[in-house]
């Protein structure tokens, strides 16, 4: 398998972490999104939306969208629950990540870390803070008294939300008021085969 991505991106990191935890052999092809490498004809042939990450299978087929990729990789493993309701809960958290978490936490981080918080994006950056804290507070409430997001073991739901949450401070989000969230982050960071973002 081959992965095309930018490892500083939380969406790409989800794939890296999933593959590490499942010990899946692969090669990584760095794609510089700021240099326009996702807009080349060669890249668009693999990912018509022009977005990373992209998983390329040995037979040449490709798959885009980070959560779709990690769900595909997790099929048949402990990261993907056998119980039908728990699988639906995993998807529920992944939809939450894409619609209620990533648009705030990840975008604020992008403006700050990738772009250097330019003055013409400052208002947008500040506008992301309230929505990001709403998402983090919801996670805090859910994780209070729980070990992981779904059931009592790690699933791809945790990986989906860990990716941008563990670097939320890079988008201006102070996790000091979220003790259950911090315990959950630590729990994941100490798993066997864990790899960091860098």
Protein backbone atom coordinates (compact mmCIF):
# COMPACT_ATOMS: atom_id res chain seq x y z
CA UNK A 1 0.00 0.00 0.00
CA UNK A 2 1.05 3.58 -0.62
CA UNK A 3 -0.20 6.70 1.15
CA UNK A 4 -0.03 10.18 -0.35
CA UNK A 5 -0.21 12.85 2.31
CA UNK A 6 1.22 15.65 4.43
CA UNK A 7 2.08 14.26 7.85
CA UNK A 8 1.44 17.62 9.55
CA UNK A 9 -2.20 17.24 8.52
CA UNK A 10 -4.42 15.61 11.13
CA UNK A 11 -6.41 13.87 8.41
CA UNK A 12 -3.22 12.28 7.04
CA UNK A 13 -2.01 11.47 10.53
CA UNK A 14 -5.16 9.41 11.15
CA UNK A 15 -4.01 7.07 8.39
CA UNK A 16 -0.41 6.95 9.67
CA UNK A 17 -1.56 6.16 13.22
CA UNK A 18 -4.06 3.50 12.11
CA UNK A 19 -1.44 1.77 9.98
CA UNK A 20 1.07 1.87 12.84
CA UNK A 21 -1.37 0.45 15.39
CA UNK A 22 -2.36 -2.33 12.97
CA UNK A 23 1.24 -2.88 11.83
CA UNK A 24 0.35 -2.45 8.15
CA UNK A 25 3.31 -2.22 5.78
CA UNK A 26 3.17 0.79 3.48
CA UNK A 27 5.19 3.52 1.84
CA UNK A 28 4.55 7.23 2.39
CA UNK A 29 4.69 9.80 -0.40
CA UNK A 30 4.92 13.35 0.94
CA UNK A 31 2.60 15.84 -0.76
CA UNK A 32 3.23 19.54 -0.18
CA UNK A 33 -0.22 21.08 -0.18
CA UNK A 34 1.05 24.66 0.13
CA UNK A 35 3.24 24.19 -2.95
CA UNK A 36 0.21 23.15 -5.01
CA UNK A 37 1.17 19.50 -5.34
CA UNK A 38 -2.45 18.41 -4.88
CA UNK A 39 -3.40 20.36 -8.03
CA UNK A 40 -1.15 18.54 -10.49
CA UNK A 41 -2.70 16.33 -13.18
CA UNK A 42 -0.85 13.32 -11.75
CA UNK A 43 -2.26 13.84 -8.27
CA UNK A 44 -5.77 14.66 -9.50
CA UNK A 45 -5.80 11.34 -11.37
CA UNK A 46 -5.55 9.67 -7.95
CA UNK A 47 -7.76 12.12 -6.06
CA UNK A 48 -10.17 14.11 -8.25
CA UNK A 49 -11.06 16.34 -5.28
CA UNK A 50 -7.39 17.31 -4.98
CA UNK A 51 -7.16 16.51 -1.30
CA UNK A 52 -4.92 14.42 0.92
CA UNK A 53 -4.73 11.74 2.19
CA UNK A 54 -5.04 9.19 -0.60
CA UNK A 55 -4.56 5.45 -0.11
CA UNK A 56 -3.32 3.56 -3.17
CA UNK A 57 -3.83 -0.19 -3.05
CA UNK A 58 -1.42 -2.68 -4.67
CA UNK A 59 -3.87 -3.19 -7.55
CA UNK A 60 -3.88 0.56 -8.31
CA UNK A 61 -7.28 1.41 -6.87
CA UNK A 62 -7.36 4.56 -4.74
CA UNK A 63 -9.42 5.70 -1.79
CA UNK A 64 -9.84 9.25 -0.49
CA UNK A 65 -11.34 10.80 2.67
CA UNK A 66 -9.44 10.01 5.84
CA UNK A 67 -12.25 8.36 7.77
CA UNK A 68 -13.19 6.15 4.82
CA UNK A 69 -9.54 5.10 4.54
CA UNK A 70 -9.10 4.21 8.21
CA UNK A 71 -12.43 2.35 8.28
CA UNK A 72 -11.27 0.32 5.29
CA UNK A 73 -7.94 -0.44 6.98
CA UNK A 74 -9.63 -1.38 10.27
CA UNK A 75 -12.10 -3.85 8.78
CA UNK A 76 -11.66 -7.20 10.55
CA UNK A 77 -9.54 -5.74 13.36
CA UNK A 78 -10.35 -4.77 16.94
CA UNK A 79 -10.49 -1.11 15.82
CA UNK A 80 -13.75 -1.87 13.99
CA UNK A 81 -16.48 -3.22 16.31
CA UNK A 82 -18.37 -6.40 15.47
CA UNK A 83 -21.53 -5.11 17.16
CA UNK A 84 -23.85 -3.32 14.72
CA UNK A 85 -24.86 -0.56 17.14
CA UNK A 86 -21.24 0.11 18.13
CA UNK A 87 -20.30 0.40 14.46
CA UNK A 88 -23.03 2.99 14.06
CA UNK A 89 -21.67 4.83 17.11
CA UNK A 90 -18.21 4.86 15.51
CA UNK A 91 -19.69 6.46 12.40
CA UNK A 92 -21.63 8.91 14.56
CA UNK A 93 -18.38 10.13 16.12
CA UNK A 94 -16.66 10.29 12.74
CA UNK A 95 -19.46 12.44 11.33
CA UNK A 96 -19.19 14.62 14.43
CA UNK A 97 -15.46 14.94 13.81
CA UNK A 98 -15.95 16.08 10.24
CA UNK A 99 -18.87 18.46 10.82
CA UNK A 100 -18.57 19.75 14.39
CA UNK A 101 -14.88 19.40 15.32
CA UNK A 102 -12.60 19.59 12.28
CA UNK A 103 -14.16 22.76 10.77
CA UNK A 104 -13.21 24.64 13.94
CA UNK A 105 -10.20 22.98 15.58
CA UNK A 106 -8.42 21.96 12.37
CA UNK A 107 -9.14 25.17 10.48
CA UNK A 108 -7.92 27.35 13.37
CA UNK A 109 -4.77 25.21 13.51
CA UNK A 110 -4.26 25.52 9.75
CA UNK A 111 -4.52 29.32 9.89
CA UNK A 112 -2.06 29.45 12.77
CA UNK A 113 0.42 26.61 12.05
CA UNK A 114 0.43 26.47 8.25
CA UNK A 115 -0.22 30.12 7.40
CA UNK A 116 1.40 31.81 10.41
CA UNK A 117 -1.82 33.56 11.53
CA UNK A 118 -1.81 36.35 8.93
CA UNK A 119 -3.72 39.49 9.86
CA UNK A 120 -6.26 39.01 7.06
CA UNK A 121 -7.25 35.61 8.56
CA UNK A 122 -7.23 36.64 12.24
CA UNK A 123 -10.99 37.31 12.44
CA UNK A 124 -11.72 33.90 10.93
CA UNK A 125 -9.27 32.26 13.35
CA UNK A 126 -10.94 33.91 16.34
CA UNK A 127 -14.39 33.00 15.05
CA UNK A 128 -13.41 29.31 15.13
CA UNK A 129 -12.69 29.29 18.87
CA UNK A 130 -16.26 29.07 20.21
CA UNK A 131 -17.23 26.20 17.91
CA UNK A 132 -14.04 24.34 18.73
CA UNK A 133 -14.65 24.62 22.45
CA UNK A 134 -18.25 23.41 22.00
CA UNK A 135 -16.92 20.26 20.34
CA UNK A 136 -14.23 19.75 22.99
CA UNK A 137 -16.74 20.24 25.81
CA UNK A 138 -19.05 17.64 24.29
CA UNK A 139 -16.16 15.18 24.11
CA UNK A 140 -15.19 16.00 27.70
CA UNK A 141 -18.71 15.25 28.91
CA UNK A 142 -18.85 11.96 27.01
CA UNK A 143 -15.40 10.80 28.11
CA UNK A 144 -16.00 11.53 31.80
CA UNK A 145 -16.14 8.06 33.34
CA UNK A 146 -15.29 6.35 30.06
CA UNK A 147 -12.05 4.91 28.73
CA UNK A 148 -12.72 5.37 25.00
CA UNK A 149 -15.44 6.92 22.84
CA UNK A 150 -17.22 3.67 21.91
CA UNK A 151 -17.34 0.62 24.15
CA UNK A 152 -14.34 -0.07 26.36
CA UNK A 153 -11.61 -0.35 23.75
CA UNK A 154 -9.95 1.79 21.14
CA UNK A 155 -11.78 2.13 17.82
CA UNK A 156 -11.30 4.23 14.72
CA UNK A 157 -13.67 6.74 16.33
CA UNK A 158 -10.90 7.54 18.82
CA UNK A 159 -8.30 7.81 16.07
CA UNK A 160 -10.53 10.15 14.05
CA UNK A 161 -10.89 12.56 16.95
CA UNK A 162 -7.44 12.12 18.44
CA UNK A 163 -5.72 13.41 15.31
CA UNK A 164 -6.71 17.06 15.63
CA UNK A 165 -7.55 17.09 19.35
CA UNK A 166 -4.02 16.22 20.47
CA UNK A 167 -2.68 19.27 18.58
CA UNK A 168 -5.64 21.54 19.35
CA UNK A 169 -3.31 23.90 21.26
CA UNK A 170 -1.69 24.73 17.91
CA UNK A 171 -5.03 26.27 16.96
CA UNK A 172 -5.30 28.25 20.19
CA UNK A 173 -7.41 25.76 22.16
CA UNK A 174 -6.32 25.39 25.79
CA UNK A 175 -7.16 21.87 27.00
CA UNK A 176 -6.54 22.78 30.63
CA UNK A 177 -10.25 22.70 31.45
CA UNK A 178 -10.79 19.24 29.94
CA UNK A 179 -9.31 16.65 32.36
CA UNK A 180 -11.16 13.62 30.95
CA UNK A 181 -10.08 14.62 27.46
CA UNK A 182 -6.44 14.93 28.55
CA UNK A 183 -6.55 11.49 30.18
CA UNK A 184 -7.97 10.04 26.96
CA UNK A 185 -5.21 11.71 24.92
CA UNK A 186 -2.57 10.26 27.24
CA UNK A 187 -4.15 6.82 27.07
CA UNK A 188 -3.90 6.79 23.29
CA UNK A 189 -0.35 8.18 23.24
CA UNK A 190 0.87 5.26 25.36
CA UNK A 191 -0.60 2.48 23.21
CA UNK A 192 1.75 -0.17 21.78
CA UNK A 193 2.97 0.81 18.28
CA UNK A 194 1.85 4.42 18.78
CA UNK A 195 3.54 6.92 16.46
CA UNK A 196 3.50 10.68 16.77
CA UNK A 197 2.53 13.14 14.09
CA UNK A 198 6.03 14.32 13.20
